[in-house]
Amino acid sequence: EKAGRGRAMATGRRVLFGRPRATAEEIGERLSKKKALAIFSSDAISSSAYATEEILRALLLAGVGLAALNLALPVAVSIALLLGVVAISYRQVVVAYPTGGGSSSVSKANLGRLASLVAAAALLIDYVLTVAVSISSASEQIIAAVPALGQWQVLIAIVIVALITMANLRGVREAGNIFSVPTYLFVGSALLMIVLGAWQLIVDDAGSRYPPIEETSMDIASMAILLLAMRAFASGAVALTGTEAIATGVPSFQPPESKNAANTLAVMAVLLAVLFIGITFLASGYGVVPSEDATVLSQVSAYVFGEQSLGFYLFLTFAAVILMLAANTSFSAFPRLAAVLAADNFFPRRFAYRGDRLAFTAGIVVLGLLAGLLIIAFGGDTHALIPLYAVGVFIDFTISQTGMIRHWLRERPRGYRRRLSVNAVGAVITGLVAIDVAVVKAPASLLVLVLIPVLVAILWFIHHEY
C-alpha cells in the first residue's frame, strides 16, 4: 500500500514538475543571452509600466495643481542617467565576481560579514516585494482593460503567484522558454507605441499638455521646486529595481558567464531607459493625469492606439503578462541567494539543495508564500506597496559600490583608477538616493529599515545554531 502511494505521488510530481534531472544536466540548464534577458531583465523593464505613474502621483499629491506634472519628464531623464551609472558600476561587479551573489558577494569579500548580511537581508526583502508589486500591477492592468474584474483583483494576483511558482519548480530552462516570448512582445509593442505617439505629438501636434508652470498660481512659484523634484525622483526610482538581478544570477548564463552577463546588463539598461523616458514623454504630451479608474499606461495606450481598439487590448495584455513574468526575476535570484547563504550556514541548509528538476525548491516555495501573504495584506494595491520598495534596493547599491572601491584599492589591476572612480561615483550617488527615498517615503520606508536589522539578527542566530 505504501509503495502504491509512493508511485502515485511520484507520478503526480512528474506531471506537475516534469521528470527528475541528473546534476550533470545542470550545464544544459544554463541560459542564452536572449533567454537571460527575458528572465533577469523582466523586472527592470516592466517597471516602466508603473514608474511613470508613481512620478505623476507624487507630483499631483504635492497639491500645487497640474502644472507640477511638467516636472515628470526631467525627473524621468535624471532617473535614466542614474540607471546608466548603476549599470556601468554593476558591469564591473559582474566581471570581478562571476560566481554571482551581487552585492552580498562583493560586501562579503571586501567589507566583512556584517555588511554582507545587511546587503543580503535588503536583497531578500526586495525580492519578495518585487513579486508582490509586479503581480499587483499586472492585476491592475488587467482590470484597466476589463473593469468588471475589479472585485477579483487580489484573487487574480494570488493565482498568478501560484502559476509562476509552479513554472519555476519545473526548472530554469523551461521557465526561460515560457517567459521569453511575452517579454519581447511587450518591448516591441511598447517601442511601437512610443514611435506612434511621438509622431502624433510632434508631427500631428496632437495631445493636451499640462498648463505651463509660469501660468499657474504663485504657490508653485514660491515653493522649492527642488524638493518637489526630489519627491517625484524618490517615487520614480522604483524603475531601477531589478537591476542587480543579473549580477546575482551570473552562474545561470552560458559560458563565458561574465561576458554574457555584462552584455545582457548593458542591453537591459538601454531598453529600460528608452521605455521609461518614452512612456513619460507620451504621458506628459497627452496631459495624462493619474486616476483610480485607469492606470497611466492604459491611458497612454488609449491615446495612441485608440480606446477599446485591438492595439489597446493587445498592449495591455502584453504589459500585464510581462508584469506577471517580472516576478520571475525574484524566483530566479531569491532561491540562488538563499542557497549562497545556506552554504555559509546563515540560512537553513535545505535551501542549498536542488530538487528533482535542479531548481532550488525550498527558496521558490517560500518566496511564493511570502509574496502571496504580502499581496493579501495590502489588498493587491501597487501604490500602497511602492513606498516599501526602493529603500532596500539603494542600500544594496551603495553597499555594493562601496565594496567595489575596496576591491580596486586592494587588487590594483591595470586601469584600476578609472574603475575605482566609476564605483566611487556610483557609491556617492546611490547613497544620496537611498537617503532621499528613506526620507521622502517615511513612515512606510521605516518598516523596511527596521526589518533589515531584524532579518540580519535571524541570519546570525541560524549561523550560531549551526
Protein backbone atom coordinates (compact mmCIF):
# COMPACT_ATOMS: atom_id res chain seq x y z
CA GLU A 1 0.00 0.00 0.00
CA LYS A 2 2.85 2.41 0.89
CA ALA A 3 4.61 1.52 -2.34
CA GLY A 4 1.42 2.28 -4.27
CA ARG A 5 1.06 5.67 -2.61
CA GLY A 6 4.72 6.43 -3.33
CA ARG A 7 4.29 5.58 -7.04
CA ALA A 8 1.17 7.74 -7.20
CA MET A 9 2.99 10.70 -5.62
CA ALA A 10 5.96 10.25 -7.97
CA THR A 11 3.62 10.19 -10.97
CA GLY A 12 1.89 13.35 -9.77
CA ARG A 13 5.22 15.14 -9.33
CA ARG A 14 6.30 14.16 -12.85
CA VAL A 15 3.05 15.53 -14.27
CA LEU A 16 3.36 18.83 -12.38
CA PHE A 17 7.12 19.40 -12.48
CA GLY A 18 8.48 17.03 -15.16
CA ARG A 19 10.94 14.16 -14.89
CA PRO A 20 13.83 14.33 -12.40
CA ARG A 21 17.13 15.51 -13.85
CA ALA A 22 20.68 14.43 -13.10
CA THR A 23 23.08 17.01 -11.66
CA ALA A 24 25.25 16.56 -14.78
CA GLU A 25 22.43 18.10 -16.81
CA GLU A 26 22.82 21.43 -14.99
CA ILE A 27 25.09 22.91 -17.68
CA GLY A 28 22.28 22.27 -20.16
CA GLU A 29 20.02 24.39 -17.99
CA ARG A 30 22.23 27.45 -18.49
CA LEU A 31 20.63 30.43 -20.21
CA SER A 32 21.48 32.04 -23.52
CA LYS A 33 21.69 35.85 -23.58
CA LYS A 34 18.25 36.12 -25.20
CA LYS A 35 16.57 33.96 -22.56
CA ALA A 36 18.56 35.54 -19.75
CA LEU A 37 17.44 39.00 -20.89
CA ALA A 38 13.83 37.82 -20.65
CA ILE A 39 14.27 36.21 -17.22
CA PHE A 40 16.63 38.55 -15.38
CA SER A 41 15.56 41.82 -17.03
CA SER A 42 11.80 41.41 -16.98
CA ASP A 43 11.58 43.05 -13.54
CA ALA A 44 13.60 46.12 -14.52
CA ILE A 45 11.99 46.51 -17.95
CA SER A 46 8.46 46.00 -16.65
CA SER A 47 8.94 48.74 -14.05
CA SER A 48 8.43 51.19 -16.93
CA ALA A 49 4.76 50.18 -16.71
CA TYR A 50 4.30 51.79 -13.28
CA ALA A 51 7.32 54.06 -12.62
CA THR A 52 5.87 56.92 -14.68
CA GLU A 53 2.60 56.68 -12.77
CA GLU A 54 4.44 56.89 -9.45
CA ILE A 55 6.20 60.08 -10.59
CA LEU A 56 2.92 61.67 -11.68
CA ARG A 57 1.17 60.66 -8.46
CA ALA A 58 3.96 62.16 -6.36
CA LEU A 59 3.79 65.44 -8.28
CA LEU A 60 0.00 65.55 -8.20
CA LEU A 61 -0.14 64.92 -4.45
CA ALA A 62 2.06 67.96 -3.90
CA GLY A 63 -1.14 69.99 -4.04
CA VAL A 64 0.07 72.71 -6.42
CA GLY A 65 -2.03 71.82 -9.44
CA LEU A 66 -1.48 70.10 -12.76
CA ALA A 67 1.41 72.40 -13.69
CA ALA A 68 3.67 70.41 -11.36
CA LEU A 69 3.30 67.42 -13.69
CA ASN A 70 5.57 69.23 -16.17
CA LEU A 71 8.46 68.08 -13.98
CA ALA A 72 7.76 64.41 -14.82
CA LEU A 73 9.93 64.24 -17.95
CA PRO A 74 13.01 65.94 -16.44
CA VAL A 75 12.71 63.63 -13.42
CA ALA A 76 12.48 60.57 -15.71
CA VAL A 77 15.59 61.67 -17.61
CA SER A 78 17.53 62.13 -14.37
CA ILE A 79 16.49 58.65 -13.22
CA ALA A 80 17.62 57.24 -16.57
CA LEU A 81 21.03 58.89 -16.05
CA LEU A 82 21.21 57.28 -12.61
CA LEU A 83 20.37 53.97 -14.27
CA GLY A 84 23.37 54.44 -16.55
CA VAL A 85 25.67 54.99 -13.56
CA VAL A 86 24.31 51.91 -11.78
CA ALA A 87 24.53 49.72 -14.91
CA ILE A 88 28.14 50.70 -15.62
CA SER A 89 29.03 50.06 -11.97
CA TYR A 90 27.38 46.63 -11.98
CA ARG A 91 29.13 45.59 -15.20
CA GLN A 92 32.32 45.77 -13.14
CA VAL A 93 30.72 43.67 -10.40
CA VAL A 94 29.75 41.02 -12.95
CA VAL A 95 33.31 40.77 -14.28
CA ALA A 96 35.01 40.87 -10.86
CA TYR A 97 32.64 38.38 -9.17
CA PRO A 98 31.46 35.79 -11.74
CA THR A 99 30.23 33.40 -9.04
CA GLY A 100 27.11 35.52 -8.54
CA GLY A 101 25.61 36.85 -5.36
CA GLY A 102 25.77 40.53 -6.38
CA SER A 103 26.16 42.97 -3.50
CA SER A 104 26.20 40.12 -0.99
CA SER A 105 29.32 38.57 -2.55
CA VAL A 106 31.04 41.94 -3.05
CA SER A 107 30.47 43.08 0.52
CA LYS A 108 31.45 39.69 1.95
CA ALA A 109 34.80 39.80 0.17
CA ASN A 110 35.59 43.45 0.87
CA LEU A 111 33.55 44.86 3.76
CA GLY A 112 33.17 41.92 6.13
CA ARG A 113 30.41 39.60 7.21
CA LEU A 114 28.08 42.16 8.78
CA ALA A 115 27.92 44.33 5.65
CA SER A 116 27.35 41.18 3.61
CA LEU A 117 24.40 40.17 5.77
CA VAL A 118 22.88 43.66 5.60
CA ALA A 119 23.11 43.53 1.79
CA ALA A 120 21.65 40.02 1.71
CA ALA A 121 18.78 40.97 4.03
CA ALA A 122 17.92 44.02 1.91
CA LEU A 123 18.01 41.87 -1.23
CA LEU A 124 15.80 39.14 0.22
CA ILE A 125 13.19 41.70 1.29
CA ASP A 126 13.22 43.39 -2.11
CA TYR A 127 12.88 40.12 -3.98
CA VAL A 128 9.67 39.42 -2.07
CA LEU A 129 8.45 42.96 -2.76
CA THR A 130 9.32 42.57 -6.44
CA VAL A 131 6.89 39.68 -6.74
CA ALA A 132 4.15 41.46 -4.79
CA VAL A 133 4.49 44.79 -6.65
CA SER A 134 4.85 43.31 -10.15
CA ILE A 135 1.93 40.96 -9.84
CA SER A 136 -0.28 43.55 -8.14
CA SER A 137 0.47 45.92 -11.02
CA ALA A 138 -0.31 43.14 -13.51
CA SER A 139 -3.72 42.62 -11.94
CA GLU A 140 -4.33 46.39 -12.13
CA GLN A 141 -3.54 46.41 -15.86
CA ILE A 142 -5.97 43.53 -16.36
CA ILE A 143 -8.68 45.42 -14.52
CA ALA A 144 -7.94 48.59 -16.51
CA ALA A 145 -8.76 46.59 -19.65
CA VAL A 146 -11.69 44.66 -18.10
CA PRO A 147 -13.17 46.78 -15.27
CA ALA A 148 -15.77 44.11 -14.47
CA LEU A 149 -12.99 42.02 -12.87
CA GLY A 150 -12.25 44.69 -10.26
CA GLN A 151 -13.65 42.74 -7.32
CA TRP A 152 -11.35 39.81 -8.10
CA GLN A 153 -8.08 41.76 -8.11
CA VAL A 154 -6.47 40.04 -5.12
CA LEU A 155 -7.60 36.57 -6.23
CA ILE A 156 -6.20 37.17 -9.72
CA ALA A 157 -2.85 38.16 -8.20
CA ILE A 158 -2.72 35.09 -5.95
CA VAL A 159 -3.48 32.74 -8.86
CA ILE A 160 -0.68 34.34 -10.88
CA VAL A 161 1.80 33.84 -8.00
CA ALA A 162 0.81 30.15 -7.81
CA LEU A 163 1.27 29.64 -11.56
CA ILE A 164 4.69 31.32 -11.65
CA THR A 165 5.82 29.30 -8.63
CA MET A 166 4.79 26.12 -10.45
CA ALA A 167 6.61 27.16 -13.62
CA ASN A 168 9.85 27.77 -11.73
CA LEU A 169 9.64 24.45 -9.93
CA ARG A 170 9.86 22.87 -13.38
CA GLY A 171 13.38 24.29 -13.83
CA VAL A 172 15.22 27.31 -15.16
CA ARG A 173 15.35 26.45 -18.87
CA GLU A 174 11.62 25.75 -19.11
CA ALA A 175 10.91 28.98 -17.23
CA GLY A 176 13.00 30.76 -19.87
CA ASN A 177 11.01 29.13 -22.66
CA ILE A 178 7.76 30.28 -21.03
CA PHE A 179 8.89 33.84 -20.34
CA SER A 180 10.95 34.85 -23.39
CA VAL A 181 8.20 35.50 -25.92
CA PRO A 182 5.94 37.72 -23.74
CA THR A 183 8.91 39.86 -22.67
CA TYR A 184 9.86 40.60 -26.25
CA LEU A 185 6.22 41.18 -27.23
CA PHE A 186 5.94 43.86 -24.53
CA VAL A 187 9.22 45.53 -25.52
CA GLY A 188 8.26 45.52 -29.20
CA SER A 189 4.73 46.83 -28.64
CA ALA A 190 5.96 49.49 -26.18
CA LEU A 191 8.56 50.74 -28.67
CA LEU A 192 5.87 50.82 -31.37
CA MET A 193 3.59 52.82 -29.07
CA ILE A 194 6.37 55.30 -28.31
CA VAL A 195 7.17 55.83 -32.01
CA LEU A 196 3.49 56.25 -32.98
CA GLY A 197 2.79 58.50 -30.01
CA ALA A 198 5.85 60.67 -30.67
CA TRP A 199 4.72 61.07 -34.29
CA GLN A 200 1.24 62.13 -33.17
CA LEU A 201 2.63 64.63 -30.66
CA ILE A 202 5.45 66.11 -32.73
CA VAL A 203 4.23 65.89 -36.34
CA ASP A 204 0.44 65.92 -35.94
CA ASP A 205 0.58 68.26 -32.91
CA ALA A 206 -1.90 66.10 -31.03
CA GLY A 207 -2.19 65.86 -27.26
CA SER A 208 -3.34 68.07 -24.42
CA ARG A 209 -0.35 69.25 -22.42
CA TYR A 210 -0.28 70.35 -18.80
CA PRO A 211 -0.58 74.08 -18.07
CA PRO A 212 2.85 75.77 -18.00
CA ILE A 213 4.34 76.34 -14.57
CA GLU A 214 4.71 80.08 -15.15
CA GLU A 215 0.95 80.40 -15.78
CA THR A 216 -0.17 78.69 -12.60
CA SER A 217 -0.70 80.07 -9.12
CA MET A 218 2.03 81.66 -7.04
CA ASP A 219 2.07 78.57 -4.82
CA ILE A 220 4.26 76.57 -7.18
CA ALA A 221 6.40 79.60 -7.96
CA SER A 222 7.19 80.17 -4.31
CA MET A 223 7.74 76.55 -3.24
CA ALA A 224 11.05 74.73 -3.51
CA ILE A 225 10.97 73.12 -6.98
CA LEU A 226 13.97 71.02 -5.99
CA LEU A 227 12.08 69.41 -3.10
CA LEU A 228 9.16 68.65 -5.39
CA ALA A 229 11.51 67.04 -7.90
CA MET A 230 13.18 65.01 -5.13
CA ARG A 231 9.76 63.71 -4.08
CA ALA A 232 9.00 62.60 -7.62
CA PHE A 233 12.52 61.20 -8.05
CA ALA A 234 12.13 59.01 -4.96
CA SER A 235 8.84 57.65 -6.34
CA GLY A 236 10.16 57.03 -9.85
CA ALA A 237 13.35 55.41 -8.57
CA VAL A 238 11.44 52.11 -8.48
CA ALA A 239 12.40 51.94 -12.16
CA LEU A 240 15.86 50.76 -11.05
CA THR A 241 14.61 47.80 -9.04
CA GLY A 242 15.76 44.53 -10.54
CA THR A 243 19.00 45.98 -11.93
CA GLU A 244 21.13 43.77 -9.66
CA ALA A 245 19.42 40.53 -10.66
CA ILE A 246 21.87 39.89 -13.49
CA ALA A 247 24.86 40.32 -11.15
CA THR A 248 23.25 37.86 -8.74
CA GLY A 249 22.50 35.30 -11.44
CA VAL A 250 25.79 35.23 -13.37
CA PRO A 251 26.22 31.44 -12.86
CA SER A 252 22.93 30.87 -14.74
CA PHE A 253 24.45 32.16 -18.00
CA GLN A 254 26.07 30.02 -20.64
CA PRO A 255 29.89 30.26 -20.80
CA PRO A 256 31.60 32.71 -20.88
CA GLU A 257 29.34 33.69 -18.00
CA SER A 258 30.78 37.10 -17.09
CA LYS A 259 30.93 38.41 -20.65
CA ASN A 260 27.41 37.26 -21.47
CA ALA A 261 26.03 38.69 -18.24
CA ALA A 262 27.77 42.06 -18.76
CA ASN A 263 26.43 42.37 -22.31
CA THR A 264 22.92 41.43 -21.19
CA LEU A 265 23.09 44.06 -18.44
CA ALA A 266 24.00 46.76 -20.98
CA VAL A 267 21.11 45.84 -23.28
CA MET A 268 18.69 45.81 -20.35
CA ALA A 269 19.77 49.29 -19.21
CA VAL A 270 19.34 50.78 -22.69
CA LEU A 271 15.91 49.20 -23.17
CA LEU A 272 14.68 50.34 -19.77
CA ALA A 273 15.90 53.91 -20.30
CA VAL A 274 14.21 54.16 -23.70
CA LEU A 275 10.91 52.71 -22.48
CA PHE A 276 10.83 54.75 -19.27
CA ILE A 277 11.63 58.10 -20.89
CA GLY A 278 9.39 57.32 -23.88
CA ILE A 279 6.32 56.46 -21.80
CA THR A 280 6.85 59.51 -19.57
CA PHE A 281 7.18 61.72 -22.68
CA LEU A 282 3.88 60.40 -24.03
CA ALA A 283 2.12 60.80 -20.69
CA SER A 284 3.30 64.41 -20.47
CA GLY A 285 2.48 65.14 -24.09
CA TYR A 286 -1.07 63.82 -23.81
CA GLY A 287 -1.61 65.51 -20.44
CA VAL A 288 -2.35 62.21 -18.67
CA VAL A 289 -3.47 62.55 -15.04
CA PRO A 290 -3.32 59.57 -12.61
CA SER A 291 -6.76 58.10 -11.94
CA GLU A 292 -8.25 55.43 -9.68
CA ASP A 293 -10.22 54.05 -12.64
CA ALA A 294 -7.41 53.63 -15.18
CA THR A 295 -3.64 53.24 -14.99
CA VAL A 296 -1.40 55.84 -16.64
CA LEU A 297 -0.16 53.14 -19.04
CA SER A 298 -3.72 52.30 -20.13
CA GLN A 299 -4.49 55.99 -20.68
CA VAL A 300 -1.39 56.46 -22.83
CA SER A 301 -2.16 53.37 -24.91
CA ALA A 302 -5.76 54.57 -25.36
CA TYR A 303 -4.48 57.87 -26.80
CA VAL A 304 -2.02 56.17 -29.15
CA PHE A 305 -3.94 53.10 -30.32
CA GLY A 306 -7.49 54.28 -29.67
CA GLU A 307 -9.65 53.36 -26.70
CA GLN A 308 -11.02 49.79 -26.84
CA SER A 309 -9.13 49.15 -30.08
CA LEU A 310 -7.32 45.89 -30.81
CA GLY A 311 -3.96 47.61 -30.27
CA PHE A 312 -5.15 48.92 -26.90
CA TYR A 313 -6.14 45.47 -25.64
CA LEU A 314 -3.07 43.74 -27.08
CA PHE A 315 -0.69 46.22 -25.48
CA LEU A 316 -2.35 45.99 -22.06
CA THR A 317 -2.27 42.20 -22.38
CA PHE A 318 1.48 42.26 -23.09
CA ALA A 319 2.01 44.71 -20.22
CA ALA A 320 0.05 42.52 -17.80
CA VAL A 321 1.95 39.41 -18.89
CA ILE A 322 5.43 40.94 -18.53
CA LEU A 323 4.46 42.29 -15.12
CA MET A 324 3.46 38.77 -14.16
CA LEU A 325 6.73 37.45 -15.50
CA ALA A 326 8.77 40.21 -13.86
CA ALA A 327 8.24 38.30 -10.66
CA ASN A 328 10.33 35.56 -12.23
CA THR A 329 13.42 37.71 -11.71
CA SER A 330 12.95 37.15 -8.00
CA PHE A 331 12.11 33.48 -8.49
CA SER A 332 15.49 33.13 -10.19
CA ALA A 333 17.52 35.30 -7.81
CA PHE A 334 15.94 34.78 -4.36
CA PRO A 335 16.49 30.97 -4.27
CA ARG A 336 20.06 31.35 -5.54
CA LEU A 337 20.91 33.97 -2.90
CA ALA A 338 19.26 31.80 -0.24
CA ALA A 339 21.43 28.89 -1.44
CA VAL A 340 24.59 31.02 -1.12
CA LEU A 341 23.59 31.96 2.45
CA ALA A 342 22.74 28.34 3.25
CA ALA A 343 26.16 27.20 2.05
CA ASP A 344 27.67 29.58 4.64
CA ASN A 345 25.26 28.33 7.36
CA PHE A 346 23.31 31.59 7.57
CA PHE A 347 20.17 30.01 6.10
CA PRO A 348 18.68 26.56 6.69
CA ARG A 349 20.76 24.09 4.70
CA ARG A 350 17.69 22.78 2.96
CA PHE A 351 17.75 25.96 0.82
CA ALA A 352 21.06 24.87 -0.71
CA TYR A 353 19.63 21.61 -2.06
CA ARG A 354 18.37 21.31 -5.60
CA GLY A 355 15.11 19.49 -6.26
CA ASP A 356 14.46 16.83 -8.89
CA ARG A 357 14.40 19.50 -11.60
CA LEU A 358 17.67 21.11 -10.44
CA ALA A 359 15.78 24.12 -9.06
CA PHE A 360 16.22 25.42 -5.52
CA THR A 361 12.81 24.16 -4.48
CA ALA A 362 12.69 25.47 -0.89
CA GLY A 363 13.56 29.03 -1.91
CA ILE A 364 10.98 29.06 -4.69
CA VAL A 365 8.17 27.81 -2.45
CA VAL A 366 8.98 30.19 0.42
CA LEU A 367 9.15 33.18 -1.93
CA GLY A 368 5.76 32.32 -3.42
CA LEU A 369 4.16 32.02 0.02
CA LEU A 370 5.64 35.29 1.35
CA ALA A 371 4.67 37.26 -1.75
CA GLY A 372 1.13 35.86 -1.62
CA LEU A 373 0.74 36.90 2.01
CA LEU A 374 2.02 40.39 1.21
CA ILE A 375 -0.46 40.79 -1.64
CA ILE A 376 -3.33 39.77 0.63
CA ALA A 377 -2.15 42.11 3.41
CA PHE A 378 -2.03 45.14 1.08
CA GLY A 379 -5.10 44.24 -0.94
CA GLY A 380 -3.08 43.95 -4.15
CA ASP A 381 -2.59 47.77 -4.22
CA THR A 382 0.61 48.61 -6.09
CA HIS A 383 0.66 52.22 -4.89
CA ALA A 384 0.48 51.04 -1.26
CA LEU A 385 3.39 48.62 -1.75
CA ILE A 386 5.70 51.01 -3.62
CA PRO A 387 6.85 53.01 -0.53
CA LEU A 388 8.38 49.81 0.85
CA TYR A 389 10.16 49.02 -2.36
CA ALA A 390 13.10 51.22 -3.32
CA VAL A 391 14.80 51.74 0.07
CA GLY A 392 16.46 48.34 0.26
CA VAL A 393 17.45 48.48 -3.40
CA PHE A 394 19.53 51.62 -2.97
CA ILE A 395 21.01 50.42 0.31
CA ASP A 396 22.17 47.40 -1.65
CA PHE A 397 23.52 49.52 -4.50
CA THR A 398 25.51 51.65 -2.04
CA ILE A 399 27.00 48.67 -0.20
CA SER A 400 27.94 47.01 -3.47
CA GLN A 401 29.67 50.10 -4.90
CA THR A 402 31.50 50.75 -1.61
CA GLY A 403 32.71 47.16 -1.63
CA MET A 404 34.00 47.58 -5.20
CA ILE A 405 36.02 50.64 -4.11
CA ARG A 406 37.77 48.45 -1.54
CA HIS A 407 38.22 45.74 -4.18
CA TRP A 408 40.05 48.04 -6.62
CA LEU A 409 42.22 49.56 -3.90
CA ARG A 410 43.30 46.09 -2.82
CA GLU A 411 43.72 44.41 -6.23
CA ARG A 412 45.05 47.44 -8.21
CA PRO A 413 44.87 45.87 -11.70
CA ARG A 414 45.78 47.85 -14.80
CA GLY A 415 43.39 50.76 -15.24
CA TYR A 416 42.04 50.39 -11.72
CA ARG A 417 41.84 54.16 -11.15
CA ARG A 418 39.20 54.54 -13.85
CA ARG A 419 37.22 51.62 -12.47
CA LEU A 420 37.62 52.96 -8.94
CA SER A 421 36.26 56.36 -9.98
CA VAL A 422 33.19 54.75 -11.59
CA ASN A 423 32.31 52.82 -8.44
CA ALA A 424 33.10 55.82 -6.21
CA VAL A 425 30.67 58.00 -8.16
CA GLY A 426 28.12 55.18 -8.02
CA ALA A 427 28.50 54.80 -4.25
CA VAL A 428 28.02 58.51 -3.58
CA ILE A 429 25.03 58.91 -5.88
CA THR A 430 23.20 55.77 -4.78
CA GLY A 431 23.88 56.62 -1.14
CA LEU A 432 22.30 60.04 -1.57
CA VAL A 433 19.32 58.49 -3.36
CA ALA A 434 18.92 55.95 -0.55
CA ILE A 435 18.67 58.80 1.95
CA ASP A 436 16.24 60.68 -0.32
CA VAL A 437 13.97 57.64 -0.71
CA ALA A 438 14.05 56.81 3.00
CA VAL A 439 13.10 60.38 3.99
CA VAL A 440 10.51 61.03 1.28
CA LYS A 441 8.81 57.65 1.69
CA ALA A 442 8.67 57.78 5.51
CA PRO A 443 6.98 56.41 7.55
CA ALA A 444 6.44 53.40 5.25
CA SER A 445 10.17 53.21 4.44
CA LEU A 446 10.93 52.89 8.16
CA LEU A 447 9.32 49.44 8.15
CA VAL A 448 12.00 48.17 5.77
CA LEU A 449 14.73 49.92 7.76
CA VAL A 450 13.53 48.00 10.83
CA LEU A 451 13.08 44.68 9.01
CA ILE A 452 16.65 44.65 7.66
CA PRO A 453 18.39 44.51 11.09
CA VAL A 454 15.76 42.05 12.33
CA LEU A 455 16.49 39.73 9.41
CA VAL A 456 20.25 40.14 9.95
CA ALA A 457 19.74 39.05 13.59
CA ILE A 458 17.82 35.99 12.40
CA LEU A 459 20.63 35.09 9.99
CA TRP A 460 23.20 35.37 12.79
CA PHE A 461 21.01 33.21 15.01
CA ILE A 462 20.79 30.48 12.37
CA HIS A 463 24.58 30.61 11.95
CA HIS A 464 25.07 30.35 15.72
CA GLU A 465 22.80 27.29 15.87
CA TYR A 466 24.79 25.52 13.16
